Amino acid sequence: MQRFILGIDIGGTSIKIGCLDLNLKLIGKTSEPNSGDIEPQQMVENIFSVSNRLLRQCKISLEQVKSVGVGAPGPLDPKTGIIQSAPNLKTFRKTPFRDMISARFGRPVFLENDANAACWGERVAGSGSGINDMVFLTLGTGVGGGIVANGQIVHGTSGEAAELGHIIIYPDGRLCGCGQKGCVEAYASASATAARAAEALQQGTKSSLKKVLEKNGKVTCKNVFEHAEKGDELAKQIVEQTAEALGLVCVSLLHITQPQKIIFGGGMVAAGQVLLDRIRYYFKQHIWTIKQEDNVEICFATLGEDAGIIGAAALARGMQ
């Protein structure tokens, strides 16, 4: 009997589910809206229902599923399978989520932080394929991350390591949602990039973005990059600040883990080569002189939105 793995990527607004064979080939996938207010048991039931629907579409039975991998927002502990709390999952408090899913599916379940799962996906099947030392950062509403060192995900004492978005790059800088000041997330996330532009407009800075704000009531990160490309001075300044923040965090990460690759994923990478070139530029501007020749590659992820489900499935593949 051929065996398969389910990879599940839980976000605040959607749940992505994929069915993969043991070689991590994606057989089929689906996505379902998710609410941050949903109760844990109801989420388990939703995941079970949607997974069964996907399996039917793929003409695969539940009996053929070997194991299930789940990437979820944290903080969580992969060892115990408990989600301690999650800003995007408001009803989760010390929730034994791994065991709840395992009981419903009747299969072994591996629970991992969602950013770590995406990191592992890139490590096994994407830009980091075959790399034993790498760092992965996701650029979206926030800045998430994962670290692979000596071929293993770095978890720390209780599974909360690699909160890379909360590395402080500007002491006493902008207030971050985590309560710290000067975090890279407060400057280089998609939401922070848009927020800094909106704040400048509200302070009277002249920009072609003003018409966007007046028309839509908001400015998006995509708007900022589009207007920068057209030559708007404010937009160009915001993009440079975002790129410099990311270049700075790359310098710190090189000193901490000496990775072979630093990989960026998430929605902001849609900005393309212009963003990557500026991150590399600021990395070279700030790096320690004697480190200039270090062979670290700064690049974009290649798996896109599939990274989380592939990584979760890969982590579950070895379970019995």
Protein backbone atom coordinates (compact mmCIF):
# COMPACT_ATOMS: atom_id res chain seq x y z
CA MET A 1 0.00 0.00 0.00
CA GLN A 2 1.42 3.36 -1.01
CA ARG A 3 1.83 5.77 1.90
CA PHE A 4 1.38 9.53 2.07
CA ILE A 5 1.89 12.43 4.48
CA LEU A 6 -0.33 15.40 5.24
CA GLY A 7 1.39 18.77 5.62
CA ILE A 8 -0.66 21.48 7.36
CA ASP A 9 0.25 25.16 7.58
CA ILE A 10 -1.93 27.14 10.01
CA GLY A 11 -2.16 30.89 9.63
CA GLY A 12 -4.30 33.52 11.28
CA THR A 13 -6.53 33.90 8.20
CA SER A 14 -6.14 30.58 6.37
CA ILE A 15 -5.15 26.95 6.76
CA LYS A 16 -3.20 25.34 3.91
CA ILE A 17 -3.19 21.56 3.63
CA GLY A 18 -1.14 19.43 1.26
CA CYS A 19 -0.94 15.71 0.55
CA LEU A 20 2.57 14.51 -0.30
CA ASP A 21 4.16 11.18 -1.09
CA LEU A 22 7.17 9.94 0.87
CA ASN A 23 9.51 11.66 -1.61
CA LEU A 24 7.78 14.96 -0.71
CA LYS A 25 6.13 15.26 -4.09
CA LEU A 26 3.00 17.38 -3.67
CA ILE A 27 0.03 15.32 -4.87
CA GLY A 28 -2.65 17.89 -4.09
CA LYS A 29 -3.33 20.89 -1.88
CA THR A 30 -6.15 23.10 -0.68
CA SER A 31 -6.72 26.16 1.45
CA GLU A 32 -9.49 27.01 3.88
CA PRO A 33 -10.29 30.34 5.60
CA ASN A 34 -9.40 30.45 9.27
CA SER A 35 -10.51 32.67 12.12
CA GLY A 36 -8.23 33.82 14.88
CA ASP A 37 -11.12 33.44 17.32
CA ILE A 38 -11.86 29.77 16.62
CA GLU A 39 -11.74 27.32 19.54
CA PRO A 40 -8.98 24.66 19.35
CA GLN A 41 -11.32 21.65 19.11
CA GLN A 42 -13.32 23.28 16.33
CA MET A 43 -10.11 23.97 14.44
CA VAL A 44 -9.17 20.31 14.77
CA GLU A 45 -12.56 19.30 13.35
CA ASN A 46 -12.16 21.77 10.47
CA ILE A 47 -8.69 20.45 9.66
CA PHE A 48 -9.96 16.86 9.75
CA SER A 49 -12.90 17.66 7.47
CA VAL A 50 -10.85 19.60 4.91
CA SER A 51 -8.09 16.98 4.95
CA ASN A 52 -10.58 14.21 4.20
CA ARG A 53 -12.01 16.24 1.35
CA LEU A 54 -8.53 16.71 -0.10
CA LEU A 55 -7.75 13.00 0.26
CA ARG A 56 -10.94 12.12 -1.63
CA GLN A 57 -9.97 14.51 -4.41
CA CYS A 58 -6.55 12.83 -4.58
CA LYS A 59 -8.21 9.36 -4.47
CA ILE A 60 -6.27 8.49 -1.33
CA SER A 61 -7.73 6.90 1.79
CA LEU A 62 -7.04 8.02 5.35
CA GLU A 63 -5.57 4.55 5.96
CA GLN A 64 -2.80 5.43 3.48
CA VAL A 65 -1.73 8.47 5.53
CA LYS A 66 1.45 7.59 7.42
CA SER A 67 1.71 10.73 9.55
CA VAL A 68 0.72 14.37 9.78
CA GLY A 69 2.97 17.43 10.03
CA VAL A 70 1.61 20.72 11.36
CA GLY A 71 3.18 24.17 11.27
CA ALA A 72 1.43 26.57 13.65
CA PRO A 73 1.98 30.02 15.15
CA GLY A 74 3.75 30.04 18.47
CA PRO A 75 5.15 30.24 20.99
CA LEU A 76 4.95 26.45 21.06
CA ASP A 77 7.10 23.55 22.18
CA PRO A 78 7.70 20.80 19.60
CA LYS A 79 8.78 18.40 22.34
CA THR A 80 5.49 18.52 24.22
CA GLY A 81 3.26 19.48 21.28
CA ILE A 82 1.75 22.32 23.31
CA ILE A 83 0.92 25.76 21.89
CA GLN A 84 1.59 28.09 24.80
CA SER A 85 -0.13 31.09 23.25
CA ALA A 86 -0.44 32.66 19.83
CA PRO A 87 -1.38 36.25 18.98
CA ASN A 88 -3.15 35.04 15.82
CA LEU A 89 -4.94 32.18 17.64
CA LYS A 90 -6.57 34.00 20.52
CA THR A 91 -8.27 31.03 22.19
CA PHE A 92 -5.11 28.91 22.38
CA ARG A 93 -3.58 28.84 25.88
CA LYS A 94 -1.35 25.89 26.80
CA THR A 95 -3.24 23.85 24.21
CA PRO A 96 -2.05 20.24 23.63
CA PHE A 97 -2.64 20.72 19.93
CA ARG A 98 -0.42 17.90 18.67
CA ASP A 99 -2.22 15.30 20.76
CA MET A 100 -5.63 16.70 19.83
CA ILE A 101 -4.90 16.31 16.11
CA SER A 102 -3.30 12.91 16.61
CA ALA A 103 -6.38 11.67 18.46
CA ARG A 104 -8.70 12.85 15.67
CA PHE A 105 -6.65 11.44 12.79
CA GLY A 106 -5.41 8.35 14.57
CA ARG A 107 -1.94 9.07 13.21
CA PRO A 108 1.39 10.31 14.60
CA VAL A 109 1.62 14.11 14.43
CA PHE A 110 4.67 16.39 14.41
CA LEU A 111 3.98 19.97 15.56
CA GLU A 112 6.43 22.73 14.67
CA ASN A 113 6.51 26.52 14.69
CA ASP A 114 5.18 27.73 11.32
CA ALA A 115 8.31 29.73 10.44
CA ASN A 116 10.53 26.76 11.34
CA ALA A 117 8.37 24.50 9.17
CA ALA A 118 8.73 26.88 6.21
CA CYS A 119 12.46 27.10 6.89
CA TRP A 120 12.73 23.30 6.82
CA GLY A 121 10.70 23.18 3.61
CA GLU A 122 13.25 25.44 1.92
CA ARG A 123 16.02 23.34 3.41
CA VAL A 124 14.76 20.03 2.03
CA ALA A 125 13.20 21.14 -1.26
CA GLY A 126 13.89 24.81 -1.96
CA SER A 127 16.70 27.38 -1.96
CA GLY A 128 18.42 25.70 0.96
CA SER A 129 18.38 22.20 -0.48
CA GLY A 130 21.35 20.26 0.86
CA ILE A 131 22.52 23.17 3.04
CA ASN A 132 23.36 22.28 6.65
CA ASP A 133 23.77 25.87 7.89
CA MET A 134 21.18 28.41 6.77
CA VAL A 135 18.87 31.14 8.02
CA PHE A 136 15.36 31.76 6.72
CA LEU A 137 13.35 34.96 7.21
CA THR A 138 9.74 35.54 6.21
CA LEU A 139 8.71 39.08 5.32
CA GLY A 140 5.00 39.58 5.77
CA THR A 141 2.74 41.14 8.37
CA GLY A 142 5.65 40.48 10.71
CA VAL A 143 9.16 39.11 10.30
CA GLY A 144 9.45 35.42 11.17
CA GLY A 145 12.43 33.17 10.95
CA GLY A 146 14.13 29.84 11.33
CA ILE A 147 17.72 28.70 11.73
CA VAL A 148 19.25 25.43 10.60
CA ALA A 149 22.66 24.71 12.17
CA ASN A 150 24.60 21.52 11.53
CA GLY A 151 21.56 20.16 9.68
CA GLN A 152 19.16 20.67 12.60
CA ILE A 153 16.48 23.27 13.37
CA VAL A 154 17.55 25.44 16.28
CA HIS A 155 14.80 25.31 18.93
CA GLY A 156 16.38 26.63 22.11
CA THR A 157 15.39 25.63 25.64
CA SER A 158 11.62 25.58 25.14
CA GLY A 159 11.19 25.75 21.37
CA GLU A 160 11.10 29.54 21.07
CA ALA A 161 14.49 30.22 19.48
CA ALA A 162 14.94 32.06 16.16
CA GLU A 163 12.46 34.88 16.80
CA LEU A 164 14.52 36.75 14.23
CA GLY A 165 12.02 39.55 13.74
CA HIS A 166 12.71 40.68 17.28
CA ILE A 167 16.44 41.19 16.98
CA ILE A 168 16.98 44.81 18.01
CA ILE A 169 18.80 46.77 15.32
CA TYR A 170 18.03 50.32 16.45
CA PRO A 171 18.07 50.71 20.28
CA ASP A 172 15.25 53.02 21.42
CA GLY A 173 13.83 52.90 17.91
CA ARG A 174 10.26 52.32 16.74
CA LEU A 175 7.95 50.48 19.10
CA CYS A 176 7.37 46.89 17.98
CA GLY A 177 4.17 44.91 18.56
CA CYS A 178 6.16 42.67 20.91
CA GLY A 179 6.77 45.58 23.29
CA GLN A 180 10.46 46.05 22.49
CA LYS A 181 11.82 49.09 20.68
CA GLY A 182 13.92 48.95 17.53
CA CYS A 183 13.15 45.40 16.36
CA VAL A 184 13.81 44.60 12.72
CA GLU A 185 10.09 43.75 12.44
CA ALA A 186 9.22 47.35 13.34
CA TYR A 187 11.09 48.51 10.24
CA ALA A 188 11.25 45.74 7.68
CA SER A 189 7.93 43.87 7.77
CA ALA A 190 5.42 44.61 5.03
CA SER A 191 3.10 46.26 7.53
CA ALA A 192 5.88 48.41 9.03
CA THR A 193 7.04 49.49 5.58
CA ALA A 194 3.52 50.66 4.78
CA ALA A 195 3.07 52.25 8.22
CA ARG A 196 6.25 54.32 7.94
CA ALA A 197 5.06 55.70 4.59
CA ALA A 198 1.62 56.54 5.98
CA GLU A 199 3.16 58.30 8.98
CA ALA A 200 5.35 60.44 6.73
CA LEU A 201 2.34 61.42 4.62
CA GLN A 202 0.38 62.37 7.72
CA GLN A 203 3.29 64.59 8.78
CA GLY A 204 3.02 66.44 5.46
CA THR A 205 5.78 64.85 3.39
CA LYS A 206 5.07 65.34 -0.31
CA SER A 207 4.66 62.12 -2.28
CA SER A 208 2.66 60.51 -5.08
CA LEU A 209 1.52 58.08 -2.37
CA LYS A 210 -0.74 60.79 -0.97
CA LYS A 211 -3.32 60.12 -3.70
CA VAL A 212 -3.27 56.41 -2.81
CA LEU A 213 -3.88 57.22 0.85
CA GLU A 214 -6.73 59.62 0.00
CA LYS A 215 -8.37 57.15 -2.39
CA ASN A 216 -7.99 53.91 -0.40
CA GLY A 217 -7.65 55.17 3.15
CA LYS A 218 -4.37 53.29 3.50
CA VAL A 219 -1.02 52.66 1.87
CA THR A 220 0.27 49.11 1.29
CA CYS A 221 3.79 47.79 1.09
CA LYS A 222 3.15 47.00 -2.57
CA ASN A 223 2.18 50.64 -3.16
CA VAL A 224 5.45 51.80 -1.61
CA PHE A 225 7.60 49.60 -3.85
CA GLU A 226 5.60 50.50 -6.97
CA HIS A 227 5.96 54.24 -6.33
CA ALA A 228 9.65 53.86 -5.49
CA GLU A 229 10.17 52.20 -8.86
CA LYS A 230 8.49 55.20 -10.50
CA GLY A 231 10.91 57.55 -8.76
CA ASP A 232 8.89 58.91 -5.83
CA GLU A 233 11.38 60.24 -3.29
CA LEU A 234 9.50 59.28 -0.14
CA ALA A 235 8.81 55.77 -1.42
CA LYS A 236 12.48 55.37 -2.38
CA GLN A 237 13.54 56.50 1.10
CA ILE A 238 11.19 54.01 2.78
CA VAL A 239 12.44 51.16 0.57
CA GLU A 240 16.04 52.05 1.40
CA GLN A 241 15.26 52.04 5.13
CA THR A 242 13.59 48.63 4.84
CA ALA A 243 16.52 47.20 2.90
CA GLU A 244 19.04 48.62 5.35
CA ALA A 245 17.20 47.08 8.31
CA LEU A 246 17.32 43.70 6.58
CA GLY A 247 20.97 44.15 5.67
CA LEU A 248 21.75 44.91 9.31
CA VAL A 249 20.01 41.81 10.60
CA CYS A 250 21.89 39.74 8.01
CA VAL A 251 25.16 41.03 9.47
CA SER A 252 24.11 39.95 12.97
CA LEU A 253 22.97 36.55 11.73
CA LEU A 254 26.27 35.97 9.95
CA HIS A 255 28.16 36.64 13.17
CA ILE A 256 25.85 34.40 15.22
CA THR A 257 25.55 31.29 13.05
CA GLN A 258 27.86 31.74 10.01
CA PRO A 259 25.29 30.31 7.58
CA GLN A 260 26.05 29.35 4.02
CA LYS A 261 22.78 30.99 2.91
CA ILE A 262 20.40 33.63 4.26
CA ILE A 263 17.07 33.11 2.53
CA PHE A 264 14.14 35.54 2.39
CA GLY A 265 10.55 34.40 1.82
CA GLY A 266 7.08 35.84 2.38
CA GLY A 267 4.90 38.26 0.48
CA MET A 268 7.43 41.10 0.31
CA VAL A 269 9.79 39.13 -1.93
CA ALA A 270 7.34 39.93 -4.73
CA ALA A 271 9.23 43.25 -4.87
CA GLY A 272 11.84 41.26 -6.75
CA GLN A 273 15.49 41.83 -7.55
CA VAL A 274 15.47 45.51 -6.57
CA LEU A 275 14.85 44.57 -2.92
CA LEU A 276 17.42 41.77 -2.93
CA ASP A 277 20.07 44.01 -4.49
CA ARG A 278 19.56 46.70 -1.83
CA ILE A 279 19.67 44.17 1.03
CA ARG A 280 22.98 42.88 -0.35
CA TYR A 281 24.25 46.45 -0.72
CA TYR A 282 23.57 47.36 2.91
CA PHE A 283 24.93 44.04 4.11
CA LYS A 284 28.25 44.88 2.45
CA GLN A 285 28.14 48.42 3.85
CA HIS A 286 27.80 47.25 7.45
CA ILE A 287 29.67 43.95 7.56
CA TRP A 288 32.85 43.68 9.63
CA THR A 289 35.78 44.37 7.28
CA ILE A 290 37.52 41.05 7.85
CA LYS A 291 34.24 39.24 7.12
CA GLN A 292 33.91 40.69 3.61
CA GLU A 293 35.15 37.50 2.00
CA ASP A 294 32.82 35.16 3.89
CA ASN A 295 31.00 32.99 1.42
CA VAL A 296 27.40 33.73 2.48
CA GLU A 297 24.70 33.89 -0.18
CA ILE A 298 21.70 36.16 0.37
CA CYS A 299 18.81 35.00 -1.82
CA PHE A 300 15.07 34.53 -2.13
CA ALA A 301 13.09 31.41 -1.26
CA THR A 302 11.71 29.33 -4.12
CA LEU A 303 8.79 27.34 -2.65
CA GLY A 304 6.46 30.28 -2.09
CA GLU A 305 3.31 29.45 -0.13
CA ASP A 306 4.09 25.71 -0.31
CA ALA A 307 7.14 25.97 1.97
CA GLY A 308 5.14 25.47 5.17
CA ILE A 309 3.23 22.38 4.08
CA ILE A 310 6.31 20.78 2.53
CA GLY A 311 8.41 21.50 5.62
CA ALA A 312 5.74 20.20 8.00
CA ALA A 313 5.38 17.03 5.94
CA ALA A 314 9.14 16.53 5.80
CA LEU A 315 9.38 16.77 9.59
CA ALA A 316 6.59 14.20 9.96
CA ARG A 317 8.00 11.83 7.35
CA GLY A 318 10.21 9.89 9.77
CA MET A 319 7.47 9.33 12.35
CA GLN A 320 6.09 5.86 12.91
